[in-house]
Protein backbone atom coordinates (compact mmCIF):
# COMPACT_ATOMS: atom_id res chain seq x y z
CA UNK A 1 127.69 116.06 108.29
CA UNK A 2 124.04 116.24 107.80
CA UNK A 3 121.31 114.43 110.07
CA UNK A 4 119.40 111.20 107.90
CA UNK A 5 115.99 111.52 108.09
CA UNK A 6 113.96 108.85 105.48
CA UNK A 7 110.62 109.87 104.08
CA UNK A 8 107.94 107.40 102.86
CA UNK A 9 105.36 108.81 100.88
CA UNK A 10 102.30 106.88 99.39
CA UNK A 11 101.24 107.87 96.31
CA UNK A 12 98.00 107.38 93.86
CA UNK A 13 98.97 109.02 90.95
CA UNK A 14 95.82 107.85 88.84
CA UNK A 15 95.36 110.93 87.09
CA UNK A 16 97.19 114.35 86.29
CA UNK A 17 96.33 115.91 89.55
CA UNK A 18 96.91 113.55 91.69
CA UNK A 19 100.39 113.08 90.62
CA UNK A 20 100.91 117.02 90.73
CA UNK A 21 99.91 116.40 94.73
CA UNK A 22 102.84 114.45 94.82
CA UNK A 23 105.18 116.56 93.03
CA UNK A 24 104.62 119.40 95.36
CA UNK A 25 104.58 117.22 98.12
CA UNK A 26 108.30 116.19 97.35
CA UNK A 27 108.71 119.78 95.98
CA UNK A 28 107.91 121.25 99.57
CA UNK A 29 109.82 118.73 101.34
CA UNK A 30 113.03 119.72 100.02
CA UNK A 31 112.43 123.36 100.13
CA UNK A 32 112.03 122.94 103.97
CA UNK A 33 115.17 122.50 104.93
CA UNK A 34 118.87 123.42 104.73
CA UNK A 35 120.41 119.71 103.07
CA UNK A 36 123.58 120.83 104.82
CA UNK A 37 121.85 120.31 108.06
CA UNK A 38 119.49 117.48 107.15
CA UNK A 39 119.12 115.13 104.67
CA UNK A 40 116.06 113.94 103.32
CA UNK A 41 116.06 110.37 101.59
CA UNK A 42 112.69 109.83 100.31
CA UNK A 43 111.19 106.62 99.12
CA UNK A 44 107.27 107.22 96.87
CA UNK A 45 105.92 103.86 97.23
CA UNK A 46 103.05 104.21 93.80
CA UNK A 47 99.91 102.15 93.83
CA UNK A 48 99.28 102.92 90.27
CA UNK A 49 100.99 100.75 88.11
CA UNK A 50 100.79 101.91 84.94
CA UNK A 51 103.02 104.50 85.85
CA UNK A 52 106.01 102.02 85.98
CA UNK A 53 108.76 102.87 85.91
CA UNK A 54 108.28 106.33 86.49
CA UNK A 55 110.51 108.34 89.12
CA UNK A 56 109.56 111.41 91.04
CA UNK A 57 112.20 113.79 91.15
CA UNK A 58 114.86 113.71 93.60
CA UNK A 59 113.44 109.64 94.95
CA UNK A 60 113.04 106.07 94.82
CA UNK A 61 109.96 105.26 93.27
CA UNK A 62 108.78 102.07 94.16
CA UNK A 63 105.84 99.97 92.64
CA UNK A 64 104.48 96.93 94.96
CA UNK A 65 103.08 94.12 93.65
CA UNK A 66 100.87 93.48 96.61
CA UNK A 67 97.70 95.14 96.63
CA UNK A 68 97.16 98.27 98.49
CA UNK A 69 97.12 98.25 102.08
CA UNK A 70 98.05 101.83 103.94
CA UNK A 71 100.03 99.54 106.63
CA UNK A 72 101.14 97.28 104.23
CA UNK A 73 102.72 99.81 102.06
CA UNK A 74 104.05 101.64 105.24
CA UNK A 75 105.67 98.72 106.60
CA UNK A 76 107.20 97.77 102.62
CA UNK A 77 108.60 101.10 103.09
CA UNK A 78 110.33 100.70 106.70
CA UNK A 79 111.64 97.68 105.72
CA UNK A 80 113.17 99.43 102.14
CA UNK A 81 115.07 102.05 104.36
CA UNK A 82 118.31 102.21 107.00
CA UNK A 83 118.09 105.60 108.69
CA UNK A 84 117.36 106.25 112.78
CA UNK A 85 114.33 108.73 111.51
CA UNK A 86 111.39 108.13 109.21
CA UNK A 87 108.65 109.92 108.64
CA UNK A 88 105.53 108.51 107.36
CA UNK A 89 103.36 110.47 104.55
CA UNK A 90 100.54 111.24 102.94
CA UNK A 91 100.95 112.38 99.18
CA UNK A 92 99.01 115.51 99.73
CA UNK A 93 101.24 117.75 102.10
CA UNK A 94 102.60 120.97 102.17
CA UNK A 95 106.07 121.21 104.17
CA UNK A 96 107.17 124.46 105.82
CA UNK A 97 110.03 125.85 106.34
CA UNK A 98 111.81 123.80 109.55
CA UNK A 99 109.04 121.42 110.19
CA UNK A 100 111.78 118.71 110.60
CA UNK A 101 114.15 120.83 112.91
CA UNK A 102 111.57 121.31 115.10
CA UNK A 103 110.74 117.65 115.47
CA UNK A 104 114.34 116.99 115.89
CA UNK A 105 115.21 119.09 118.20
CA UNK A 106 112.36 118.20 120.60
CA UNK A 107 113.45 114.76 120.46
CA UNK A 108 116.92 115.89 121.15
CA UNK A 109 115.20 117.41 124.20
CA UNK A 110 113.20 114.44 125.15
CA UNK A 111 115.74 111.52 123.90
CA UNK A 112 112.22 109.70 125.29
CA UNK A 113 110.20 111.09 122.64
CA UNK A 114 109.74 107.76 119.78
CA UNK A 115 106.89 109.29 117.95
CA UNK A 116 105.99 112.85 117.04
CA UNK A 117 103.37 114.74 114.72
CA UNK A 118 103.86 117.99 113.17
CA UNK A 119 101.11 120.52 113.51
CA UNK A 120 98.65 121.05 110.69
CA UNK A 121 97.25 124.22 110.71
CA UNK A 122 94.08 122.65 108.74
CA UNK A 123 93.34 120.27 111.47
CA UNK A 124 94.86 121.04 114.80
CA UNK A 125 94.06 125.08 114.78
CA UNK A 126 90.47 124.24 114.82
CA UNK A 127 90.85 121.67 117.12
CA UNK A 128 92.17 124.02 119.52
CA UNK A 129 95.79 123.52 119.75
CA UNK A 130 98.08 127.02 120.24
CA UNK A 131 100.15 127.21 117.04
CA UNK A 132 102.94 128.56 119.14
CA UNK A 133 102.03 126.52 122.08
CA UNK A 134 104.70 123.70 123.84
CA UNK A 135 104.98 120.39 122.96
CA UNK A 136 101.75 118.36 124.02
CA UNK A 137 101.97 114.82 124.82
CA UNK A 138 98.80 113.09 123.33
CA UNK A 139 97.16 110.58 121.36
CA UNK A 140 93.57 110.93 119.77
CA UNK A 141 92.98 114.38 118.85
CA UNK A 142 96.68 115.72 118.61
CA UNK A 143 97.99 112.33 116.47
CA UNK A 144 97.51 112.42 112.75
CA UNK A 145 98.01 109.76 110.66
CA UNK A 146 99.17 111.77 107.10
CA UNK A 147 102.12 112.76 108.46
CA UNK A 148 104.34 111.58 111.90
CA UNK A 149 108.06 111.09 112.80
CA UNK A 150 109.18 107.72 114.39
CA UNK A 151 112.74 106.89 115.52
CA UNK A 152 113.25 103.35 114.09
CA UNK A 153 113.87 101.79 117.43
CA UNK A 154 109.99 102.09 117.66
CA UNK A 155 108.93 99.12 115.84
CA UNK A 156 111.50 97.22 118.43
CA UNK A 157 108.64 97.74 120.79
CA UNK A 158 105.06 97.97 118.87
CA UNK A 159 106.25 95.56 116.27
CA UNK A 160 105.28 96.23 112.64
CA UNK A 161 101.96 97.87 111.88
CA UNK A 162 99.18 95.98 111.51
CA UNK A 163 98.21 95.30 107.85
CA UNK A 164 94.47 94.10 108.29
CA UNK A 165 93.76 98.16 108.52
CA UNK A 166 94.12 98.71 104.95
CA UNK A 167 93.49 102.74 105.48
CA UNK A 168 90.67 104.04 107.66
CA UNK A 169 91.53 103.34 111.73
CA UNK A 170 95.12 102.70 110.77
CA UNK A 171 95.51 106.10 113.22
CA UNK A 172 93.52 105.40 115.87
CA UNK A 173 95.20 101.77 115.83
CA UNK A 174 98.48 102.95 115.87
CA UNK A 175 97.33 105.38 119.20
CA UNK A 176 96.29 102.34 120.75
CA UNK A 177 98.97 100.25 120.29
CA UNK A 178 101.66 103.07 121.54
CA UNK A 179 99.11 102.94 124.41
CA UNK A 180 99.30 99.52 124.90
CA UNK A 181 103.16 99.45 125.26
CA UNK A 182 103.74 102.83 127.14
CA UNK A 183 105.01 104.64 124.36
CA UNK A 184 104.00 108.40 124.11
CA UNK A 185 103.30 110.36 121.19
CA UNK A 186 103.97 114.27 120.99
CA UNK A 187 102.44 116.97 118.98
CA UNK A 188 105.27 119.75 118.17
CA UNK A 189 103.81 122.93 116.78
CA UNK A 190 106.94 124.57 115.70
CA UNK A 191 107.44 121.58 113.27
CA UNK A 192 104.35 122.75 110.74
CA UNK A 193 102.91 120.42 107.73
CA UNK A 194 99.83 121.64 105.94
CA UNK A 195 97.57 118.61 105.28
CA UNK A 196 95.46 119.29 102.05
CA UNK A 197 92.98 116.68 102.10
CA UNK A 198 92.57 112.89 101.41
CA UNK A 199 92.27 113.76 97.79
CA UNK A 200 93.58 109.91 96.67
CA UNK A 201 91.04 108.56 98.42
CA UNK A 202 88.11 110.78 96.74
CA UNK A 203 89.31 109.09 93.38
CA UNK A 204 88.50 105.83 94.54
CA UNK A 205 85.25 104.37 93.01
CA UNK A 206 82.66 103.54 95.06
CA UNK A 207 83.55 99.92 95.59
CA UNK A 208 87.14 100.24 96.68
CA UNK A 209 86.11 103.36 98.88
CA UNK A 210 83.77 101.19 100.95
CA UNK A 211 86.50 98.03 101.14
CA UNK A 212 89.45 100.47 102.78
CA UNK A 213 86.74 102.42 104.81
CA UNK A 214 83.95 99.39 106.03
CA UNK A 215 86.16 96.56 106.69
CA UNK A 216 88.72 97.88 108.71
CA UNK A 217 85.86 99.33 111.02
CA UNK A 218 84.94 95.72 111.80
CA UNK A 219 88.18 94.76 112.38
CA UNK A 220 88.72 97.72 114.46
CA UNK A 221 85.24 97.00 116.44
CA UNK A 222 86.62 93.22 117.17
CA UNK A 223 90.62 94.11 117.91
CA UNK A 224 90.13 97.03 120.41
CA UNK A 225 86.42 97.33 121.11
CA UNK A 226 86.09 93.38 122.08
CA UNK A 227 83.61 92.21 119.53
CA UNK A 228 83.70 88.51 119.42
CA UNK A 229 86.26 87.13 115.97
CA UNK A 230 83.15 85.35 114.71
CA UNK A 231 81.00 88.66 114.78
CA UNK A 232 83.93 90.09 112.88
CA UNK A 233 84.21 87.71 110.40
CA UNK A 234 80.30 87.55 109.79
CA UNK A 235 79.89 90.75 109.48
CA UNK A 236 83.24 91.01 106.60
CA UNK A 237 82.00 88.01 104.79
CA UNK A 238 78.39 90.12 104.62
CA UNK A 239 80.16 92.83 103.60
CA UNK A 240 81.87 91.77 100.74
CA UNK A 241 78.99 89.85 99.20
CA UNK A 242 77.05 92.56 98.84
CA UNK A 243 79.87 94.34 97.36
CA UNK A 244 80.10 91.24 95.09
CA UNK A 245 76.31 91.47 94.11
CA UNK A 246 76.37 95.06 94.23
CA UNK A 247 73.82 96.02 96.74
């Protein structure tokens, strides 16, 4: 029997270019492993509601009624899936041969691994990590938020992802949360997934971009840098007012 892995892909197919990115992500995923050894169950969470009821090939595609939030949509995906291994993904990825095998072998060798990151040639190489190196423990710098695999039991330890992080700082919050609960993260170089770039974010308008990047910054400062709750609320209120009146 093949080992079953849930794949959750957050997609924003606002136009044909972004739709093609999601299609490419799913296509390279299924080409990356032998289905007799590893069976992927793919859930695409699509933000472009106008596409409904379109289904990306070889996936279940859902269209949440809730407003987009990076962690919110990942939590929806986690709750919609059942397998013991879950990979949380953006829609702008290229999966290389054996990427899942690499992480699953590392987890087999070290059963305490609950969170693992594949090697991204576009990021990790420039950061000085050896593509042929060993599995490395680490959070900031080694972890990448656009693709990471976890064991489902992780969420019994850390709880659901914090939905106040709508986009930016989701990765930093995740790393801090792992450290808080004493859960280690590992970079697994034999597992290779290329991140093309934040194409979906680039497609948002100015106001939406600001909401996804700046509001989470205020909350992160409150949660992890011990800024006062009142300061966070005032910063957020003033920022929303500026967006409202177009400053």
